[in-house]
Full PDB file with SEQRES, HELIX, SHEET, SSBOND, CRYST1, ORIGX, SCALE, CONECT and MASTER records, all heavy atoms in Angstrom:
SEQRES   1 A   30  HIS GLN MET ASP GLY ASP ARG PRO PRO ALA SER GLY SER          
SEQRES   2 A   30  ALA ASP LEU MET ALA LEU GLU GLN ALA ILE ARG SER ILE          
SEQRES   3 A   30  HIS GLU GLN ALA                                              
HELIX    1 AA1 ALA A   14  GLN A   29  1                                  16    
CRYST1    1.000    1.000    1.000  90.00  90.00  90.00 P 1           1          
ORIGX1      1.000000  0.000000  0.000000        0.00000                         
ORIGX2      0.000000  1.000000  0.000000        0.00000                         
ORIGX3      0.000000  0.000000  1.000000        0.00000                         
SCALE1      1.000000  0.000000  0.000000        0.00000                         
SCALE2      0.000000  1.000000  0.000000        0.00000                         
SCALE3      0.000000  0.000000  1.000000        0.00000                         
ATOM      1  N   HIS A   1      -0.816 -10.439  -1.950  1.00  0.00           N  
ATOM      2  CA  HIS A   1      -0.335 -10.809  -0.589  1.00  0.00           C  
ATOM      3  C   HIS A   1      -1.487 -10.972   0.480  1.00  0.00           C  
ATOM      4  O   HIS A   1      -1.453 -11.900   1.228  1.00  0.00           O  
ATOM      5  CB  HIS A   1       0.698  -9.809  -0.076  1.00  0.00           C  
ATOM      6  CG  HIS A   1       2.049  -9.845  -0.860  1.00  0.00           C  
ATOM      7  ND1 HIS A   1       2.763 -11.057  -0.773  1.00  0.00           N  
ATOM      8  CD2 HIS A   1       2.565  -8.985  -1.702  1.00  0.00           C  
ATOM      9  CE1 HIS A   1       3.847 -10.735  -1.611  1.00  0.00           C  
ATOM     10  NE2 HIS A   1       3.749  -9.559  -2.092  1.00  0.00           N  
ATOM     11  N   GLN A   2      -2.383 -10.184   0.324  1.00  0.00           N  
ATOM     12  CA  GLN A   2      -3.526 -10.300   1.259  1.00  0.00           C  
ATOM     13  C   GLN A   2      -4.390 -11.562   1.007  1.00  0.00           C  
ATOM     14  O   GLN A   2      -4.710 -12.197   1.945  1.00  0.00           O  
ATOM     15  CB  GLN A   2      -4.462  -9.058   1.213  1.00  0.00           C  
ATOM     16  CG  GLN A   2      -3.781  -7.728   1.738  1.00  0.00           C  
ATOM     17  CD  GLN A   2      -3.157  -7.976   3.024  1.00  0.00           C  
ATOM     18  OE1 GLN A   2      -3.928  -8.097   4.123  1.00  0.00           O  
ATOM     19  NE2 GLN A   2      -1.977  -7.958   3.269  1.00  0.00           N  
ATOM     20  N   MET A   3      -4.599 -11.787  -0.215  1.00  0.00           N  
ATOM     21  CA  MET A   3      -5.313 -13.015  -0.634  1.00  0.00           C  
ATOM     22  C   MET A   3      -4.532 -14.281  -0.171  1.00  0.00           C  
ATOM     23  O   MET A   3      -5.102 -15.406   0.048  1.00  0.00           O  
ATOM     24  CB  MET A   3      -5.676 -13.073  -2.130  1.00  0.00           C  
ATOM     25  CG  MET A   3      -6.530 -12.059  -2.644  1.00  0.00           C  
ATOM     26  SD  MET A   3      -8.301 -12.232  -1.940  1.00  0.00           S  
ATOM     27  CE  MET A   3      -8.685 -13.853  -2.742  1.00  0.00           C  
ATOM     28  N   ASP A   4      -3.242 -14.178  -0.115  1.00  0.00           N  
ATOM     29  CA  ASP A   4      -2.399 -15.334   0.272  1.00  0.00           C  
ATOM     30  C   ASP A   4      -2.295 -15.458   1.819  1.00  0.00           C  
ATOM     31  O   ASP A   4      -1.472 -16.216   2.197  1.00  0.00           O  
ATOM     32  CB  ASP A   4      -0.909 -15.183  -0.367  1.00  0.00           C  
ATOM     33  CG  ASP A   4      -1.031 -15.476  -1.933  1.00  0.00           C  
ATOM     34  OD1 ASP A   4      -1.995 -15.933  -2.398  1.00  0.00           O  
ATOM     35  OD2 ASP A   4      -0.008 -15.085  -2.495  1.00  0.00           O  
ATOM     36  N   GLY A   5      -2.872 -14.577   2.468  1.00  0.00           N  
ATOM     37  CA  GLY A   5      -2.883 -14.542   4.014  1.00  0.00           C  
ATOM     38  C   GLY A   5      -1.828 -13.726   4.686  1.00  0.00           C  
ATOM     39  O   GLY A   5      -1.559 -13.996   5.863  1.00  0.00           O  
ATOM     40  N   ASP A   6      -1.001 -12.969   3.879  1.00  0.00           N  
ATOM     41  CA  ASP A   6      -0.063 -12.255   4.579  1.00  0.00           C  
ATOM     42  C   ASP A   6      -0.501 -11.140   5.416  1.00  0.00           C  
ATOM     43  O   ASP A   6      -1.725 -10.649   5.211  1.00  0.00           O  
ATOM     44  CB  ASP A   6       0.953 -11.616   3.421  1.00  0.00           C  
ATOM     45  CG  ASP A   6       1.776 -12.562   2.772  1.00  0.00           C  
ATOM     46  OD1 ASP A   6       1.756 -13.794   3.088  1.00  0.00           O  
ATOM     47  OD2 ASP A   6       2.430 -12.165   1.735  1.00  0.00           O  
ATOM     48  N   ARG A   7       0.212 -10.634   6.330  1.00  0.00           N  
ATOM     49  CA  ARG A   7      -0.180  -9.483   7.215  1.00  0.00           C  
ATOM     50  C   ARG A   7      -0.086  -8.190   6.347  1.00  0.00           C  
ATOM     51  O   ARG A   7       0.845  -8.013   5.559  1.00  0.00           O  
ATOM     52  CB  ARG A   7       0.814  -9.384   8.415  1.00  0.00           C  
ATOM     53  CG  ARG A   7       0.656 -10.425   9.346  1.00  0.00           C  
ATOM     54  CD  ARG A   7       1.697 -10.279  10.574  1.00  0.00           C  
ATOM     55  NE  ARG A   7       1.143 -11.015  11.740  1.00  0.00           N  
ATOM     56  CZ  ARG A   7       0.610 -10.430  12.741  1.00  0.00           C  
ATOM     57  NH1 ARG A   7       0.523  -8.926  12.791  1.00  0.00           N  
ATOM     58  NH2 ARG A   7       0.174 -11.037  13.656  1.00  0.00           N  
ATOM     59  N   PRO A   8      -0.895  -7.245   6.679  1.00  0.00           N  
ATOM     60  CA  PRO A   8      -0.686  -5.876   6.017  1.00  0.00           C  
ATOM     61  C   PRO A   8       0.657  -5.275   6.400  1.00  0.00           C  
ATOM     62  O   PRO A   8       1.248  -5.681   7.486  1.00  0.00           O  
ATOM     63  CB  PRO A   8      -1.890  -5.146   6.504  1.00  0.00           C  
ATOM     64  CG  PRO A   8      -2.820  -6.034   7.244  1.00  0.00           C  
ATOM     65  CD  PRO A   8      -1.984  -7.283   7.662  1.00  0.00           C  
ATOM     66  N   PRO A   9       1.158  -4.308   5.604  1.00  0.00           N  
ATOM     67  CA  PRO A   9       2.388  -3.764   5.932  1.00  0.00           C  
ATOM     68  C   PRO A   9       2.320  -2.979   7.215  1.00  0.00           C  
ATOM     69  O   PRO A   9       1.240  -2.520   7.636  1.00  0.00           O  
ATOM     70  CB  PRO A   9       2.506  -2.657   4.733  1.00  0.00           C  
ATOM     71  CG  PRO A   9       1.713  -3.179   3.739  1.00  0.00           C  
ATOM     72  CD  PRO A   9       0.500  -3.910   4.321  1.00  0.00           C  
ATOM     73  N   ALA A  10       3.381  -2.930   7.976  1.00  0.00           N  
ATOM     74  CA  ALA A  10       3.317  -2.369   9.362  1.00  0.00           C  
ATOM     75  C   ALA A  10       3.300  -0.807   9.038  1.00  0.00           C  
ATOM     76  O   ALA A  10       3.790  -0.288   8.130  1.00  0.00           O  
ATOM     77  CB  ALA A  10       4.717  -2.717  10.049  1.00  0.00           C  
ATOM     78  N   SER A  11       2.718  -0.330  10.161  1.00  0.00           N  
ATOM     79  CA  SER A  11       2.623   1.230  10.209  1.00  0.00           C  
ATOM     80  C   SER A  11       3.906   1.836  10.187  1.00  0.00           C  
ATOM     81  O   SER A  11       4.957   1.354  10.706  1.00  0.00           O  
ATOM     82  CB  SER A  11       1.830   1.567  11.538  1.00  0.00           C  
ATOM     83  OG  SER A  11       1.694   2.942  11.614  1.00  0.00           O  
ATOM     84  N   GLY A  12       4.084   2.713   9.126  1.00  0.00           N  
ATOM     85  CA  GLY A  12       5.254   3.622   9.012  1.00  0.00           C  
ATOM     86  C   GLY A  12       6.247   2.795   8.206  1.00  0.00           C  
ATOM     87  O   GLY A  12       7.421   3.398   7.970  1.00  0.00           O  
ATOM     88  N   SER A  13       6.080   1.642   7.653  1.00  0.00           N  
ATOM     89  CA  SER A  13       6.870   0.917   6.859  1.00  0.00           C  
ATOM     90  C   SER A  13       7.062   1.399   5.407  1.00  0.00           C  
ATOM     91  O   SER A  13       6.189   2.134   4.954  1.00  0.00           O  
ATOM     92  CB  SER A  13       6.634  -0.673   6.861  1.00  0.00           C  
ATOM     93  OG  SER A  13       5.361  -0.763   6.106  1.00  0.00           O  
ATOM     94  N   ALA A  14       8.213   1.043   4.910  1.00  0.00           N  
ATOM     95  CA  ALA A  14       8.384   1.476   3.446  1.00  0.00           C  
ATOM     96  C   ALA A  14       7.310   0.985   2.618  1.00  0.00           C  
ATOM     97  O   ALA A  14       6.744   1.551   1.609  1.00  0.00           O  
ATOM     98  CB  ALA A  14       9.672   1.168   3.037  1.00  0.00           C  
ATOM     99  N   ASP A  15       6.863  -0.380   2.855  1.00  0.00           N  
ATOM    100  CA  ASP A  15       5.810  -1.001   2.076  1.00  0.00           C  
ATOM    101  C   ASP A  15       4.532  -0.299   2.072  1.00  0.00           C  
ATOM    102  O   ASP A  15       3.761  -0.105   1.126  1.00  0.00           O  
ATOM    103  CB  ASP A  15       5.668  -2.355   2.368  1.00  0.00           C  
ATOM    104  CG  ASP A  15       6.801  -3.223   1.995  1.00  0.00           C  
ATOM    105  OD1 ASP A  15       7.508  -2.897   0.966  1.00  0.00           O  
ATOM    106  OD2 ASP A  15       6.945  -4.564   2.539  1.00  0.00           O  
ATOM    107  N   LEU A  16       4.235   0.119   3.378  1.00  0.00           N  
ATOM    108  CA  LEU A  16       2.884   0.849   3.565  1.00  0.00           C  
ATOM    109  C   LEU A  16       3.014   2.311   2.901  1.00  0.00           C  
ATOM    110  O   LEU A  16       1.977   2.699   2.279  1.00  0.00           O  
ATOM    111  CB  LEU A  16       2.647   0.984   5.009  1.00  0.00           C  
ATOM    112  CG  LEU A  16       1.231   1.757   5.368  1.00  0.00           C  
ATOM    113  CD1 LEU A  16       0.097   0.945   4.653  1.00  0.00           C  
ATOM    114  CD2 LEU A  16       1.051   1.939   6.818  1.00  0.00           C  
ATOM    115  N   MET A  17       4.125   2.924   2.973  1.00  0.00           N  
ATOM    116  CA  MET A  17       4.213   4.169   2.295  1.00  0.00           C  
ATOM    117  C   MET A  17       4.203   4.040   0.927  1.00  0.00           C  
ATOM    118  O   MET A  17       3.552   4.927   0.218  1.00  0.00           O  
ATOM    119  CB  MET A  17       5.522   4.837   2.849  1.00  0.00           C  
ATOM    120  CG  MET A  17       5.535   5.393   4.200  1.00  0.00           C  
ATOM    121  SD  MET A  17       6.908   6.443   4.768  1.00  0.00           S  
ATOM    122  CE  MET A  17       8.182   5.153   4.782  1.00  0.00           C  
ATOM    123  N   ALA A  18       4.776   3.050   0.272  1.00  0.00           N  
ATOM    124  CA  ALA A  18       4.562   2.878  -1.176  1.00  0.00           C  
ATOM    125  C   ALA A  18       3.088   2.561  -1.593  1.00  0.00           C  
ATOM    126  O   ALA A  18       2.711   3.060  -2.588  1.00  0.00           O  
ATOM    127  CB  ALA A  18       5.502   1.574  -1.545  1.00  0.00           C  
ATOM    128  N   LEU A  19       2.452   1.728  -0.769  1.00  0.00           N  
ATOM    129  CA  LEU A  19       0.985   1.553  -1.068  1.00  0.00           C  
ATOM    130  C   LEU A  19       0.247   2.765  -0.986  1.00  0.00           C  
ATOM    131  O   LEU A  19      -0.638   3.059  -1.968  1.00  0.00           O  
ATOM    132  CB  LEU A  19       0.496   0.499  -0.114  1.00  0.00           C  
ATOM    133  CG  LEU A  19      -0.970   0.083  -0.212  1.00  0.00           C  
ATOM    134  CD1 LEU A  19      -1.201  -0.484  -1.597  1.00  0.00           C  
ATOM    135  CD2 LEU A  19      -1.426  -0.978   0.841  1.00  0.00           C  
ATOM    136  N   GLU A  20       0.450   3.541   0.126  1.00  0.00           N  
ATOM    137  CA  GLU A  20      -0.357   4.757   0.225  1.00  0.00           C  
ATOM    138  C   GLU A  20       0.060   5.723  -1.006  1.00  0.00           C  
ATOM    139  O   GLU A  20      -0.974   6.355  -1.473  1.00  0.00           O  
ATOM    140  CB  GLU A  20       0.092   5.519   1.572  1.00  0.00           C  
ATOM    141  CG  GLU A  20      -0.403   4.754   2.746  1.00  0.00           C  
ATOM    142  CD  GLU A  20       0.174   5.440   4.027  1.00  0.00           C  
ATOM    143  OE1 GLU A  20       1.108   6.168   3.994  1.00  0.00           O  
ATOM    144  OE2 GLU A  20      -0.312   5.037   5.083  1.00  0.00           O  
ATOM    145  N   GLN A  21       1.156   5.827  -1.451  1.00  0.00           N  
ATOM    146  CA  GLN A  21       1.542   6.656  -2.439  1.00  0.00           C  
ATOM    147  C   GLN A  21       0.912   6.034  -3.914  1.00  0.00           C  
ATOM    148  O   GLN A  21       0.492   6.883  -4.755  1.00  0.00           O  
ATOM    149  CB  GLN A  21       3.101   6.714  -2.763  1.00  0.00           C  
ATOM    150  CG  GLN A  21       3.399   7.659  -3.888  1.00  0.00           C  
ATOM    151  CD  GLN A  21       2.988   9.090  -3.833  1.00  0.00           C  
ATOM    152  OE1 GLN A  21       2.782   9.690  -2.884  1.00  0.00           O  
ATOM    153  NE2 GLN A  21       2.533   9.589  -4.875  1.00  0.00           N  
ATOM    154  N   ALA A  22       0.929   4.893  -3.998  1.00  0.00           N  
ATOM    155  CA  ALA A  22       0.245   4.177  -5.151  1.00  0.00           C  
ATOM    156  C   ALA A  22      -1.220   4.542  -5.218  1.00  0.00           C  
ATOM    157  O   ALA A  22      -1.698   4.940  -6.282  1.00  0.00           O  
ATOM    158  CB  ALA A  22       0.545   2.705  -5.199  1.00  0.00           C  
ATOM    159  N   ILE A  23      -1.839   4.355  -4.150  1.00  0.00           N  
ATOM    160  CA  ILE A  23      -3.321   4.720  -4.086  1.00  0.00           C  
ATOM    161  C   ILE A  23      -3.523   6.098  -4.355  1.00  0.00           C  
ATOM    162  O   ILE A  23      -4.476   6.517  -5.047  1.00  0.00           O  
ATOM    163  CB  ILE A  23      -3.941   4.277  -2.678  1.00  0.00           C  
ATOM    164  CG1 ILE A  23      -3.815   2.752  -2.615  1.00  0.00           C  
ATOM    165  CG2 ILE A  23      -5.299   4.721  -2.537  1.00  0.00           C  
ATOM    166  CD1 ILE A  23      -4.164   2.154  -1.208  1.00  0.00           C  
ATOM    167  N   ARG A  24      -2.786   6.944  -3.706  1.00  0.00           N  
ATOM    168  CA  ARG A  24      -2.856   8.436  -4.040  1.00  0.00           C  
ATOM    169  C   ARG A  24      -2.743   8.721  -5.465  1.00  0.00           C  
ATOM    170  O   ARG A  24      -3.515   9.487  -6.039  1.00  0.00           O  
ATOM    171  CB  ARG A  24      -1.835   9.118  -3.079  1.00  0.00           C  
ATOM    172  CG  ARG A  24      -2.050  10.696  -3.105  1.00  0.00           C  
ATOM    173  CD  ARG A  24      -1.182  11.379  -2.096  1.00  0.00           C  
ATOM    174  NE  ARG A  24      -1.193  10.911  -0.798  1.00  0.00           N  
ATOM    175  CZ  ARG A  24      -0.360  10.151  -0.169  1.00  0.00           C  
ATOM    176  NH1 ARG A  24       0.812   9.945  -0.673  1.00  0.00           N  
ATOM    177  NH2 ARG A  24      -0.530   9.803   1.184  1.00  0.00           N  
ATOM    178  N   SER A  25      -1.654   8.152  -6.170  1.00  0.00           N  
ATOM    179  CA  SER A  25      -1.389   8.428  -7.450  1.00  0.00           C  
ATOM    180  C   SER A  25      -2.540   7.946  -8.365  1.00  0.00           C  
ATOM    181  O   SER A  25      -2.950   8.705  -9.293  1.00  0.00           O  
ATOM    182  CB  SER A  25      -0.162   7.636  -7.900  1.00  0.00           C  
ATOM    183  OG  SER A  25       0.106   7.607  -9.248  1.00  0.00           O  
ATOM    184  N   ILE A  26      -3.146   6.671  -8.164  1.00  0.00           N  
ATOM    185  CA  ILE A  26      -4.232   6.309  -8.933  1.00  0.00           C  
ATOM    186  C   ILE A  26      -5.416   7.197  -8.610  1.00  0.00           C  
ATOM    187  O   ILE A  26      -6.164   7.513  -9.622  1.00  0.00           O  
ATOM    188  CB  ILE A  26      -4.617   4.803  -8.454  1.00  0.00           C  
ATOM    189  CG1 ILE A  26      -3.565   3.842  -8.964  1.00  0.00           C  
ATOM    190  CG2 ILE A  26      -5.958   4.357  -8.937  1.00  0.00           C  
ATOM    191  CD1 ILE A  26      -3.416   3.707 -10.415  1.00  0.00           C  
ATOM    192  N   HIS A  27      -5.709   7.566  -7.477  1.00  0.00           N  
ATOM    193  CA  HIS A  27      -6.854   8.421  -7.118  1.00  0.00           C  
ATOM    194  C   HIS A  27      -6.737   9.772  -7.868  1.00  0.00           C  
ATOM    195  O   HIS A  27      -7.746  10.223  -8.374  1.00  0.00           O  
ATOM    196  CB  HIS A  27      -6.900   8.575  -5.673  1.00  0.00           C  
ATOM    197  CG  HIS A  27      -8.100   9.462  -5.199  1.00  0.00           C  
ATOM    198  ND1 HIS A  27      -9.421   9.107  -5.371  1.00  0.00           N  
ATOM    199  CD2 HIS A  27      -8.071  10.643  -4.680  1.00  0.00           C  
ATOM    200  CE1 HIS A  27     -10.172  10.029  -4.856  1.00  0.00           C  
ATOM    201  NE2 HIS A  27      -9.428  11.074  -4.478  1.00  0.00           N  
ATOM    202  N   GLU A  28      -5.566  10.261  -7.893  1.00  0.00           N  
ATOM    203  CA  GLU A  28      -5.397  11.661  -8.409  1.00  0.00           C  
ATOM    204  C   GLU A  28      -5.159  11.711  -9.979  1.00  0.00           C  
ATOM    205  O   GLU A  28      -5.457  12.887 -10.571  1.00  0.00           O  
ATOM    206  CB  GLU A  28      -4.270  12.281  -7.652  1.00  0.00           C  
ATOM    207  CG  GLU A  28      -4.560  12.629  -6.223  1.00  0.00           C  
ATOM    208  CD  GLU A  28      -3.307  13.106  -5.443  1.00  0.00           C  
ATOM    209  OE1 GLU A  28      -2.237  13.193  -5.991  1.00  0.00           O  
ATOM    210  OE2 GLU A  28      -3.561  13.557  -4.316  1.00  0.00           O  
ATOM    211  N   GLN A  29      -4.675  10.715 -10.518  1.00  0.00           N  
ATOM    212  CA  GLN A  29      -4.072  10.918 -11.899  1.00  0.00           C  
ATOM    213  C   GLN A  29      -4.408   9.725 -12.971  1.00  0.00           C  
ATOM    214  O   GLN A  29      -4.141   9.870 -14.090  1.00  0.00           O  
ATOM    215  CB  GLN A  29      -2.482  10.878 -11.831  1.00  0.00           C  
ATOM    216  CG  GLN A  29      -1.848  11.854 -10.878  1.00  0.00           C  
ATOM    217  CD  GLN A  29      -0.396  11.758 -10.820  1.00  0.00           C  
ATOM    218  OE1 GLN A  29       0.239  11.005 -11.550  1.00  0.00           O  
ATOM    219  NE2 GLN A  29       0.189  12.393  -9.929  1.00  0.00           N  
ATOM    220  N   ALA A  30      -5.127   8.632 -12.391  1.00  0.00           N  
ATOM    221  CA  ALA A  30      -5.212   7.571 -13.346  1.00  0.00           C  
ATOM    222  C   ALA A  30      -6.136   7.920 -14.411  1.00  0.00           C  
ATOM    223  O   ALA A  30      -7.238   8.542 -14.254  1.00  0.00           O  
ATOM    224  CB  ALA A  30      -5.760   6.317 -12.533  1.00  0.00           C  
TER     225      ALA A  30                                                      
MASTER        0    0    0    1    0    0    0    6  224    1    0    3          
END                                                                             
């Protein structure tokens, strides 16, 4: 989405929370 020019997820949005959780999961368990 970023490469396609979309805006980043809004602060506090479900999309941003999902991204944060995904990054945390990869960082801690991958």
